N, C-alpha and C. Protein backbone atom coordinates (compact mmCIF):
# COMPACT_ATOMS: atom_id res chain seq x y z
N MET A 1 -57.50 271.36 82.55
CA MET A 1 -56.51 270.30 82.66
C MET A 1 -55.55 270.39 81.48
N SER A 2 -54.34 270.03 81.73
CA SER A 2 -53.34 270.11 80.67
C SER A 2 -52.77 268.73 80.38
N MET A 3 -51.94 268.67 79.35
CA MET A 3 -51.26 267.45 78.96
C MET A 3 -52.22 266.27 78.77
N ASN A 4 -52.84 266.21 77.62
CA ASN A 4 -53.78 265.15 77.29
C ASN A 4 -53.10 264.22 76.30
N LYS A 5 -52.95 262.94 76.65
CA LYS A 5 -52.32 262.00 75.73
C LYS A 5 -52.99 260.63 75.84
N ILE A 6 -52.93 259.89 74.76
CA ILE A 6 -53.51 258.54 74.71
C ILE A 6 -52.51 257.56 75.31
N ILE A 7 -53.01 256.69 76.21
CA ILE A 7 -52.13 255.76 76.91
C ILE A 7 -52.73 254.35 76.94
N GLU A 8 -51.87 253.38 77.22
CA GLU A 8 -52.31 252.02 77.53
C GLU A 8 -52.27 251.86 79.04
N LEU A 9 -53.33 251.27 79.60
CA LEU A 9 -53.40 251.08 81.05
C LEU A 9 -54.07 249.76 81.35
N ALA A 10 -54.04 249.37 82.60
CA ALA A 10 -54.74 248.18 83.05
C ALA A 10 -55.56 248.53 84.28
N LEU A 11 -56.86 248.27 84.21
CA LEU A 11 -57.70 248.38 85.40
C LEU A 11 -57.51 247.11 86.20
N ILE A 12 -57.44 247.21 87.52
CA ILE A 12 -57.16 246.06 88.38
C ILE A 12 -58.34 245.82 89.31
N LYS A 13 -58.92 244.64 89.20
CA LYS A 13 -60.00 244.23 90.10
C LYS A 13 -59.42 243.25 91.12
N GLU A 14 -59.65 243.54 92.39
CA GLU A 14 -59.18 242.66 93.47
C GLU A 14 -60.35 241.85 94.01
N THR A 15 -60.13 240.56 94.17
CA THR A 15 -61.13 239.70 94.81
C THR A 15 -60.43 238.92 95.92
N ILE A 16 -61.17 238.66 96.98
CA ILE A 16 -60.63 237.89 98.10
C ILE A 16 -61.48 236.64 98.25
N SER A 17 -60.80 235.50 98.26
CA SER A 17 -61.48 234.22 98.45
C SER A 17 -60.68 233.39 99.44
N LYS A 18 -61.28 232.31 99.87
CA LYS A 18 -60.58 231.42 100.81
C LYS A 18 -60.05 230.21 100.05
N ASN A 19 -58.82 229.83 100.39
CA ASN A 19 -58.24 228.65 99.75
C ASN A 19 -58.75 227.38 100.45
N SER A 20 -58.18 226.23 100.11
CA SER A 20 -58.67 224.94 100.61
C SER A 20 -58.52 224.77 102.12
N ILE A 21 -57.64 225.57 102.74
CA ILE A 21 -57.50 225.44 104.20
C ILE A 21 -58.10 226.64 104.94
N GLY A 22 -58.89 227.45 104.21
CA GLY A 22 -59.61 228.53 104.84
C GLY A 22 -58.88 229.85 105.00
N VAL A 23 -57.71 229.97 104.38
CA VAL A 23 -56.93 231.20 104.45
C VAL A 23 -57.39 232.15 103.33
N SER A 24 -57.61 233.41 103.67
CA SER A 24 -58.02 234.39 102.66
C SER A 24 -56.87 234.68 101.70
N VAL A 25 -57.19 234.67 100.40
CA VAL A 25 -56.20 234.89 99.36
C VAL A 25 -56.72 235.99 98.44
N LYS A 26 -55.88 237.00 98.20
CA LYS A 26 -56.24 238.10 97.30
C LYS A 26 -55.80 237.75 95.89
N THR A 27 -56.71 237.93 94.94
CA THR A 27 -56.41 237.69 93.53
C THR A 27 -56.68 238.97 92.75
N GLU A 28 -55.79 239.28 91.82
CA GLU A 28 -55.97 240.46 90.99
C GLU A 28 -56.24 240.04 89.55
N THR A 29 -57.21 240.71 88.93
CA THR A 29 -57.52 240.50 87.53
C THR A 29 -57.31 241.82 86.81
N LYS A 30 -56.47 241.81 85.78
CA LYS A 30 -56.18 243.04 85.04
C LYS A 30 -56.93 243.05 83.71
N THR A 31 -57.48 244.21 83.38
CA THR A 31 -58.14 244.42 82.11
C THR A 31 -57.40 245.53 81.38
N ASN A 32 -56.77 245.18 80.26
CA ASN A 32 -55.99 246.16 79.50
C ASN A 32 -56.91 246.96 78.58
N LEU A 33 -56.66 248.27 78.53
CA LEU A 33 -57.43 249.13 77.63
C LEU A 33 -56.68 250.40 77.32
N ILE A 34 -57.28 251.21 76.46
CA ILE A 34 -56.71 252.48 76.05
C ILE A 34 -57.50 253.60 76.73
N GLY A 35 -56.81 254.64 77.17
CA GLY A 35 -57.47 255.77 77.80
C GLY A 35 -56.75 257.07 77.47
N ASN A 36 -57.27 258.15 78.00
CA ASN A 36 -56.65 259.46 77.84
C ASN A 36 -56.12 259.92 79.19
N TYR A 37 -54.84 260.28 79.22
CA TYR A 37 -54.17 260.75 80.43
C TYR A 37 -54.20 262.27 80.44
N GLN A 38 -54.57 262.83 81.60
CA GLN A 38 -54.53 264.28 81.79
C GLN A 38 -53.93 264.58 83.15
N SER A 39 -53.24 265.70 83.23
CA SER A 39 -52.79 266.18 84.53
C SER A 39 -54.01 266.69 85.30
N VAL A 40 -53.95 266.64 86.62
CA VAL A 40 -55.05 267.21 87.40
C VAL A 40 -54.96 268.73 87.37
N SER A 41 -56.10 269.37 87.54
CA SER A 41 -56.11 270.83 87.61
C SER A 41 -55.53 271.27 88.95
N ALA A 42 -55.14 272.51 89.02
CA ALA A 42 -54.62 273.06 90.28
C ALA A 42 -55.69 272.99 91.35
N GLN A 43 -56.93 273.26 90.97
CA GLN A 43 -58.04 273.20 91.93
C GLN A 43 -58.20 271.79 92.50
N GLU A 44 -58.15 270.76 91.64
CA GLU A 44 -58.26 269.37 92.11
C GLU A 44 -57.08 269.02 93.02
N PHE A 45 -55.90 269.48 92.65
CA PHE A 45 -54.70 269.20 93.44
C PHE A 45 -54.84 269.77 94.85
N PHE A 46 -55.25 271.02 94.96
CA PHE A 46 -55.35 271.66 96.27
C PHE A 46 -56.52 271.13 97.09
N ARG A 47 -57.66 270.87 96.44
CA ARG A 47 -58.80 270.30 97.16
C ARG A 47 -58.46 268.90 97.68
N GLY A 48 -57.79 268.12 96.85
CA GLY A 48 -57.37 266.78 97.28
C GLY A 48 -56.40 266.85 98.45
N GLY A 49 -55.47 267.81 98.39
CA GLY A 49 -54.51 267.98 99.48
C GLY A 49 -55.19 268.30 100.79
N GLU A 50 -56.28 269.05 100.74
CA GLU A 50 -57.03 269.37 101.96
C GLU A 50 -57.65 268.13 102.59
N LYS A 51 -57.86 267.09 101.78
CA LYS A 51 -58.47 265.84 102.26
C LYS A 51 -57.42 264.74 102.48
N GLY A 52 -56.15 265.11 102.43
CA GLY A 52 -55.08 264.14 102.66
C GLY A 52 -54.73 263.32 101.43
N LEU A 53 -55.21 263.71 100.26
CA LEU A 53 -54.91 263.00 99.01
C LEU A 53 -53.76 263.69 98.29
N LYS A 54 -53.16 262.97 97.34
CA LYS A 54 -52.12 263.54 96.50
C LYS A 54 -52.49 263.30 95.03
N PRO A 55 -53.47 264.05 94.53
CA PRO A 55 -53.93 263.84 93.15
C PRO A 55 -52.78 263.93 92.16
N GLU A 56 -52.74 262.96 91.25
CA GLU A 56 -51.65 262.86 90.29
C GLU A 56 -52.14 263.05 88.86
N CYS A 57 -53.24 262.38 88.51
CA CYS A 57 -53.70 262.41 87.13
C CYS A 57 -55.18 262.04 87.03
N VAL A 58 -55.73 262.31 85.84
CA VAL A 58 -57.09 261.92 85.51
C VAL A 58 -57.00 261.05 84.26
N ILE A 59 -57.57 259.87 84.32
CA ILE A 59 -57.59 258.96 83.18
C ILE A 59 -59.03 258.85 82.71
N LYS A 60 -59.26 259.11 81.41
CA LYS A 60 -60.62 259.00 80.86
C LYS A 60 -60.72 257.70 80.06
N VAL A 61 -61.74 256.90 80.38
CA VAL A 61 -62.04 255.67 79.66
C VAL A 61 -63.54 255.64 79.38
N TRP A 62 -63.98 254.71 78.53
CA TRP A 62 -65.40 254.55 78.26
C TRP A 62 -66.08 254.00 79.50
N GLN A 63 -67.27 254.53 79.82
CA GLN A 63 -68.02 254.07 80.98
C GLN A 63 -68.25 252.57 80.95
N ALA A 64 -68.51 252.01 79.77
CA ALA A 64 -68.78 250.58 79.64
C ALA A 64 -67.57 249.71 80.01
N GLU A 65 -66.37 250.30 79.98
CA GLU A 65 -65.15 249.54 80.29
C GLU A 65 -64.79 249.57 81.78
N TYR A 66 -65.45 250.44 82.53
CA TYR A 66 -65.12 250.60 83.95
C TYR A 66 -66.17 249.90 84.81
N ASN A 67 -65.71 249.05 85.71
CA ASN A 67 -66.60 248.26 86.56
C ASN A 67 -66.32 248.45 88.04
N GLY A 68 -66.03 249.67 88.44
CA GLY A 68 -65.83 249.98 89.84
C GLY A 68 -64.46 249.61 90.40
N GLU A 69 -63.50 249.34 89.54
CA GLU A 69 -62.16 249.03 90.02
C GLU A 69 -61.61 250.19 90.84
N LYS A 70 -60.79 249.87 91.83
CA LYS A 70 -60.19 250.89 92.70
C LYS A 70 -58.72 251.11 92.41
N LEU A 71 -58.14 250.30 91.52
CA LEU A 71 -56.72 250.40 91.18
C LEU A 71 -56.54 250.39 89.67
N LEU A 72 -55.46 251.02 89.22
CA LEU A 72 -55.06 250.89 87.82
C LEU A 72 -53.54 250.94 87.73
N GLU A 73 -53.05 250.44 86.63
CA GLU A 73 -51.61 250.42 86.39
C GLU A 73 -51.35 251.13 85.07
N TYR A 74 -50.38 252.05 85.11
CA TYR A 74 -49.99 252.80 83.92
C TYR A 74 -48.50 253.07 84.00
N ASN A 75 -47.81 252.79 82.91
CA ASN A 75 -46.38 253.09 82.83
C ASN A 75 -45.60 252.43 83.97
N SER A 76 -45.96 251.19 84.28
CA SER A 76 -45.33 250.37 85.33
C SER A 76 -45.51 250.94 86.74
N GLU A 77 -46.49 251.83 86.92
CA GLU A 77 -46.79 252.36 88.24
C GLU A 77 -48.24 252.08 88.57
N ARG A 78 -48.52 251.88 89.84
CA ARG A 78 -49.86 251.57 90.31
C ARG A 78 -50.49 252.83 90.91
N TYR A 79 -51.76 253.03 90.60
CA TYR A 79 -52.50 254.19 91.07
C TYR A 79 -53.79 253.75 91.77
N ILE A 80 -54.19 254.52 92.77
CA ILE A 80 -55.46 254.32 93.45
C ILE A 80 -56.46 255.28 92.81
N ILE A 81 -57.63 254.77 92.46
CA ILE A 81 -58.71 255.61 91.93
C ILE A 81 -59.50 256.10 93.14
N TYR A 82 -59.41 257.39 93.44
CA TYR A 82 -60.05 257.91 94.65
C TYR A 82 -61.41 258.56 94.37
N ARG A 83 -61.69 258.86 93.09
CA ARG A 83 -63.03 259.35 92.75
C ARG A 83 -63.22 259.23 91.25
N THR A 84 -64.49 259.22 90.83
CA THR A 84 -64.83 259.14 89.41
C THR A 84 -65.84 260.21 89.07
N TYR A 85 -65.94 260.50 87.76
CA TYR A 85 -66.93 261.46 87.27
C TYR A 85 -67.35 261.04 85.87
N LYS A 86 -68.66 260.78 85.69
CA LYS A 86 -69.19 260.40 84.38
C LYS A 86 -69.42 261.65 83.55
N THR A 87 -68.96 261.61 82.30
CA THR A 87 -69.12 262.74 81.40
C THR A 87 -70.26 262.46 80.42
N GLU A 88 -70.74 263.49 79.76
CA GLU A 88 -71.87 263.37 78.84
C GLU A 88 -71.52 262.64 77.56
N ASP A 89 -70.24 262.49 77.25
CA ASP A 89 -69.84 261.83 76.01
C ASP A 89 -69.66 260.32 76.16
N GLY A 90 -70.15 259.75 77.28
CA GLY A 90 -70.08 258.30 77.47
C GLY A 90 -68.79 257.84 78.12
N LYS A 91 -67.97 258.76 78.55
CA LYS A 91 -66.71 258.39 79.21
C LYS A 91 -66.83 258.62 80.71
N ILE A 92 -65.83 258.14 81.43
CA ILE A 92 -65.76 258.35 82.87
C ILE A 92 -64.34 258.80 83.20
N GLU A 93 -64.23 259.80 84.05
CA GLU A 93 -62.93 260.30 84.49
C GLU A 93 -62.55 259.58 85.77
N LEU A 94 -61.36 259.00 85.79
CA LEU A 94 -60.84 258.29 86.97
C LEU A 94 -59.77 259.19 87.59
N TYR A 95 -60.05 259.72 88.75
CA TYR A 95 -59.10 260.60 89.44
C TYR A 95 -58.18 259.73 90.28
N CYS A 96 -56.88 259.86 90.06
CA CYS A 96 -55.91 258.90 90.61
C CYS A 96 -54.79 259.57 91.41
N GLN A 97 -54.29 258.79 92.37
CA GLN A 97 -53.06 259.15 93.07
C GLN A 97 -52.18 257.90 93.08
N LYS A 98 -50.87 258.09 93.15
CA LYS A 98 -49.96 256.94 93.19
C LYS A 98 -50.22 256.10 94.41
N ASP A 99 -50.13 254.79 94.24
CA ASP A 99 -50.28 253.84 95.33
C ASP A 99 -48.91 253.63 95.95
N VAL A 100 -48.63 254.34 97.03
CA VAL A 100 -47.30 254.26 97.66
C VAL A 100 -47.10 252.95 98.41
N GLY A 101 -48.17 252.21 98.65
CA GLY A 101 -48.06 250.94 99.35
C GLY A 101 -47.80 249.76 98.44
N ALA A 102 -47.72 250.00 97.13
CA ALA A 102 -47.54 248.90 96.17
C ALA A 102 -46.10 248.48 96.06
């Protein structure tokens, strides 16, 4: 992987609840933290493409800071976390693609 830099990001947790009249309402909770940004490898890019994904980047954060969120925000753009990988140094790699529906 190339281009490794320290970034500020927000993990986004979505919850759905019902309001007072029974309508489902989506709420987002953002957790700000620091991570390492890396470009995806060519292998990840092509394998993801075979599965209909468009891999964009890998963000590394501490495992203790990640709670299964499926979205993150970085540099005013929203990303979908499509897979994760725990590393031996206590971090987790978040493999991301841009959320085109945002």
